C-alpha cells in the first residue's frame, strides 16, 4: 500500500473542501456554503501547521504577529478609513471584534505565509545565479526579493479576491462601491512589513503544501470571479 506524504494528504483535503465550496457557490448559490468560510480558513491554517516542519517559537511568533497585526489594521481600516479605504465587513465571516471578524487575522497569516514560502522557493535557485557577478550577497538579494515579490504576490491575490469577496458578502465597499487603488497600496506596505518579518525570523521557509494551497485558492477565486 502506498504511503502518502503529509503534503499530499493536506493538498487532497484542500482540493476536496475548495471543490465542494466552489460547486455549492456556483450551482446552488446557497449562503450555507458561504457561511462555512471561517471553518475552511481554520482548516487550511491547521493544515499549514500540520505540514510545517520543525515548528519553533519563531514560527509561532510569526503566526501570532500576523493574526494580531491583521486584526488591528482591519480595525483601523473599518473604524477610520485611514487604511485600505471606506469599507465594512458583513456577518458571514463569523464572530468579530470591533466589527472585524477574528478569522480575518487567520487569513492574514495564511496569505503572508503562503506568499512568503512560494516566492522563497521560486527565487532560491534564481538568486544564486543572479548574484554570481553581483556585489550583493545571496542572502541580501533573497531577503529583498522575497519581501518585495511576496508583497506584490499578496496584492495580486487581493486583486483577484476582492470582487468575489464583495459578491459573497464578506465585506462591502462604501461610497460608489468601487475598490480604491489605496486599498492595494496599503496591502503592499503591510505585506512588506510582515514578509520582512517572515524572512528574518529563524524558522523553516519551505513547505510544499503552502505553494499548493496558494495555487488552489487562486484557482478557486479565479473561477468564481469569472462565473459569479
Protein backbone atom coordinates (compact mmCIF):
# COMPACT_ATOMS: atom_id res chain seq x y z
CA UNK A 1 0.00 0.00 0.00
CA UNK A 2 1.37 3.39 -0.99
CA UNK A 3 2.37 5.73 1.79
CA UNK A 4 1.22 9.29 1.14
CA UNK A 5 3.22 12.24 2.46
CA UNK A 6 1.66 14.83 4.73
CA UNK A 7 1.92 17.32 1.85
CA UNK A 8 -0.12 15.05 -0.42
CA UNK A 9 -2.72 14.42 2.28
CA UNK A 10 -3.07 18.13 3.06
CA UNK A 11 -3.31 19.02 -0.64
CA UNK A 12 -6.01 16.41 -1.22
CA UNK A 13 -8.04 17.77 1.71
CA UNK A 14 -7.65 21.35 0.47
CA UNK A 15 -8.74 20.41 -3.05
CA UNK A 16 -11.76 18.49 -1.71
CA UNK A 17 -13.04 21.31 0.50
CA UNK A 18 -12.45 24.05 -2.07
CA UNK A 19 -14.14 21.96 -4.77
CA UNK A 20 -17.21 21.38 -2.58
CA UNK A 21 -17.39 25.07 -1.77
CA UNK A 22 -16.93 26.03 -5.41
CA UNK A 23 -19.73 23.79 -6.67
CA UNK A 24 -22.00 24.89 -3.85
CA UNK A 25 -21.50 28.59 -4.53
CA UNK A 26 -21.84 28.23 -8.31
CA UNK A 27 -24.68 25.74 -8.73
CA UNK A 28 -26.72 26.13 -5.56
CA UNK A 29 -25.99 29.78 -4.73
CA UNK A 30 -26.68 28.89 -1.12
CA UNK A 31 -25.49 31.09 1.73
CA UNK A 32 -24.84 27.88 3.67
CA UNK A 33 -21.65 27.35 1.67
CA UNK A 34 -20.52 30.95 2.22
CA UNK A 35 -21.08 30.57 5.96
CA UNK A 36 -18.56 27.72 6.03
CA UNK A 37 -15.74 30.09 5.01
CA UNK A 38 -14.42 30.61 8.57
CA UNK A 39 -14.26 26.85 9.13
CA UNK A 40 -12.48 26.40 5.80
CA UNK A 41 -9.87 29.04 6.70
CA UNK A 42 -9.32 27.45 10.11
CA UNK A 43 -8.85 24.07 8.44
CA UNK A 44 -6.36 25.50 5.93
CA UNK A 45 -4.39 27.17 8.74
CA UNK A 46 -4.41 23.88 10.63
CA UNK A 47 -3.07 22.07 7.55
CA UNK A 48 -0.29 24.65 7.23
CA UNK A 49 0.69 23.95 10.83
CA UNK A 50 0.46 20.21 10.18
CA UNK A 51 2.78 20.39 7.16
CA UNK A 52 5.26 22.93 8.55
CA UNK A 53 8.44 21.15 9.56
CA UNK A 54 10.34 21.97 12.76
CA UNK A 55 7.78 24.25 14.37
CA UNK A 56 9.56 26.57 16.80
CA UNK A 57 9.00 29.77 18.77
CA UNK A 58 9.91 31.91 15.75
CA UNK A 59 7.22 30.27 13.61
CA UNK A 60 4.60 30.57 16.36
CA UNK A 61 5.62 34.22 16.83
CA UNK A 62 5.14 34.89 13.12
CA UNK A 63 1.69 33.34 13.27
CA UNK A 64 0.69 35.44 16.30
CA UNK A 65 2.06 38.67 14.81
CA UNK A 66 0.22 38.11 11.52
CA UNK A 67 -3.07 37.43 13.31
CA UNK A 68 -2.77 40.38 15.70
CA UNK A 69 -1.46 42.87 13.13
CA UNK A 70 -4.06 41.69 10.62
CA UNK A 71 -6.93 42.32 13.02
CA UNK A 72 -5.51 45.66 14.21
CA UNK A 73 -5.02 47.11 10.72
CA UNK A 74 -8.51 45.96 9.74
CA UNK A 75 -10.00 47.62 12.82
CA UNK A 76 -8.18 50.84 11.93
CA UNK A 77 -9.42 50.47 8.37
CA UNK A 78 -13.07 49.88 9.15
CA UNK A 79 -13.19 52.40 12.00
CA UNK A 80 -11.33 55.32 10.45
CA UNK A 81 -10.85 54.67 6.74
CA UNK A 82 -7.16 55.55 7.17
CA UNK A 83 -6.15 52.12 5.89
CA UNK A 84 -7.49 50.40 2.76
CA UNK A 85 -10.38 52.85 2.28
CA UNK A 86 -14.01 53.00 3.37
CA UNK A 87 -15.43 49.53 3.81
CA UNK A 88 -17.23 47.34 6.32
CA UNK A 89 -17.45 43.61 6.96
CA UNK A 90 -20.59 41.54 6.61
CA UNK A 91 -21.77 38.91 9.07
CA UNK A 92 -20.89 35.78 7.08
CA UNK A 93 -17.33 35.56 8.40
CA UNK A 94 -18.38 34.82 11.96
CA UNK A 95 -17.64 36.39 15.38
CA UNK A 96 -15.97 39.78 15.30
CA UNK A 97 -14.16 42.34 17.42
CA UNK A 98 -14.92 45.98 16.64
CA UNK A 99 -16.85 44.73 13.58
CA UNK A 100 -13.77 42.86 12.24
CA UNK A 101 -14.16 39.04 12.11
CA UNK A 102 -11.50 37.19 14.08
CA UNK A 103 -10.95 34.88 11.11
CA UNK A 104 -9.50 37.78 9.13
CA UNK A 105 -6.40 37.57 11.31
CA UNK A 106 -6.05 33.90 10.37
CA UNK A 107 -6.46 34.83 6.72
CA UNK A 108 -3.61 37.34 7.00
CA UNK A 109 -1.36 34.57 8.32
CA UNK A 110 -2.37 32.19 5.53
CA UNK A 111 -1.69 34.82 2.87
CA UNK A 112 1.64 36.01 4.25
CA UNK A 113 2.94 32.52 4.94
CA UNK A 114 1.89 31.07 1.57
CA UNK A 115 3.19 34.06 -0.41
CA UNK A 116 6.46 34.08 1.52
CA UNK A 117 7.07 30.36 1.08
CA UNK A 118 6.09 30.42 -2.60
CA UNK A 119 8.35 33.31 -3.57
CA UNK A 120 11.18 31.99 -1.39
CA UNK A 121 11.02 28.67 -3.23
CA UNK A 122 10.79 30.20 -6.70
CA UNK A 123 13.68 32.60 -6.17
CA UNK A 124 16.10 30.41 -4.25
CA UNK A 125 17.99 29.00 -7.25
CA UNK A 126 17.45 32.09 -9.39
CA UNK A 127 19.07 34.34 -6.81
CA UNK A 128 22.18 32.21 -6.72
CA UNK A 129 22.66 32.77 -10.47
CA UNK A 130 21.86 36.46 -10.38
CA UNK A 131 24.32 37.18 -7.58
CA UNK A 132 27.24 35.35 -9.19
CA UNK A 133 28.60 38.63 -10.58
CA UNK A 134 26.97 40.98 -8.08
CA UNK A 135 28.36 42.85 -5.08
CA UNK A 136 25.30 41.86 -3.08
CA UNK A 137 25.32 38.60 -1.18
CA UNK A 138 22.83 35.86 -1.95
CA UNK A 139 21.19 36.37 1.42
CA UNK A 140 20.67 40.11 0.88
CA UNK A 141 19.15 39.62 -2.55
CA UNK A 142 16.88 36.82 -1.29
CA UNK A 143 15.59 39.00 1.55
CA UNK A 144 14.81 41.86 -0.84
CA UNK A 145 13.23 39.56 -3.42
CA UNK A 146 11.08 37.55 -1.02
CA UNK A 147 9.81 40.67 0.75
CA UNK A 148 9.07 42.77 -2.34
CA UNK A 149 7.93 39.99 -4.68
CA UNK A 150 5.96 38.33 -1.90
CA UNK A 151 4.17 41.62 -1.19
CA UNK A 152 3.38 42.02 -4.89
CA UNK A 153 2.04 38.47 -4.99
CA UNK A 154 -0.18 39.22 -1.97
CA UNK A 155 -1.52 42.34 -3.69
CA UNK A 156 -2.21 40.34 -6.87
CA UNK A 157 -4.11 37.76 -4.84
CA UNK A 158 -6.12 40.51 -3.12
CA UNK A 159 -6.98 41.97 -6.54
CA UNK A 160 -8.19 38.54 -7.65
CA UNK A 161 -10.22 38.01 -4.49
CA UNK A 162 -11.81 41.44 -3.96
CA UNK A 163 -14.75 41.30 -6.44
CA UNK A 164 -15.63 37.76 -5.34
CA UNK A 165 -15.47 38.66 -1.65
CA UNK A 166 -17.86 41.56 -2.21
CA UNK A 167 -20.34 39.38 -4.13
CA UNK A 168 -20.22 36.72 -1.42
CA UNK A 169 -20.89 39.31 1.30
CA UNK A 170 -17.52 39.06 3.05
CA UNK A 171 -17.21 42.84 3.03
CA UNK A 172 -18.67 45.88 1.27
CA UNK A 173 -17.00 48.98 -0.13
CA UNK A 174 -18.83 52.17 0.74
CA UNK A 175 -19.42 55.19 -1.47
CA UNK A 176 -19.90 54.13 -5.08
CA UNK A 177 -18.80 50.58 -4.23
CA UNK A 178 -15.62 50.70 -6.29
CA UNK A 179 -12.39 49.21 -4.92
CA UNK A 180 -9.90 52.05 -4.38
CA UNK A 181 -6.27 51.93 -5.50
CA UNK A 182 -5.42 52.95 -1.94
CA UNK A 183 -6.54 49.50 -0.78
CA UNK A 184 -3.82 47.81 -2.82
CA UNK A 185 -1.19 50.33 -1.71
CA UNK A 186 -1.97 49.56 1.94
CA UNK A 187 -1.93 45.82 1.23
CA UNK A 188 1.52 46.18 -0.33
CA UNK A 189 3.01 48.20 2.53
CA UNK A 190 1.63 45.99 5.31
CA UNK A 191 2.63 42.85 3.40
CA UNK A 192 6.16 44.26 3.06
CA UNK A 193 6.45 44.59 6.82
CA UNK A 194 5.06 41.14 7.60
CA UNK A 195 7.11 39.43 4.89
CA UNK A 196 10.26 41.11 6.15
CA UNK A 197 9.50 39.51 9.49
CA UNK A 198 8.83 36.23 7.68
CA UNK A 199 12.26 36.31 6.06
CA UNK A 200 14.22 37.44 9.13
CA UNK A 201 12.72 35.12 11.74
CA UNK A 202 14.65 31.83 12.07
CA UNK A 203 12.13 29.20 11.02
CA UNK A 204 11.89 26.84 8.05
CA UNK A 205 10.74 28.62 4.89
CA UNK A 206 9.97 25.50 2.83
CA UNK A 207 6.50 23.94 2.70
CA UNK A 208 5.22 22.27 -0.48
CA UNK A 209 1.63 22.43 0.75
CA UNK A 210 1.80 26.22 1.19
CA UNK A 211 2.62 26.57 -2.51
CA UNK A 212 -0.17 24.16 -3.44
CA UNK A 213 -2.67 25.97 -1.21
CA UNK A 214 -1.90 29.33 -2.80
CA UNK A 215 -2.49 27.83 -6.24
CA UNK A 216 -5.71 26.13 -5.10
CA UNK A 217 -7.09 29.35 -3.60
CA UNK A 218 -6.04 31.38 -6.65
CA UNK A 219 -7.88 28.95 -8.94
CA UNK A 220 -10.89 28.97 -6.59
CA UNK A 221 -11.25 32.77 -6.72
CA UNK A 222 -10.37 32.98 -10.42
CA UNK A 223 -13.22 30.60 -11.29
CA UNK A 224 -15.67 32.42 -9.02
CA UNK A 225 -14.57 35.79 -10.37
CA UNK A 226 -15.25 34.55 -13.91
CA UNK A 227 -18.63 32.95 -13.21
CA UNK A 228 -20.32 34.98 -10.46
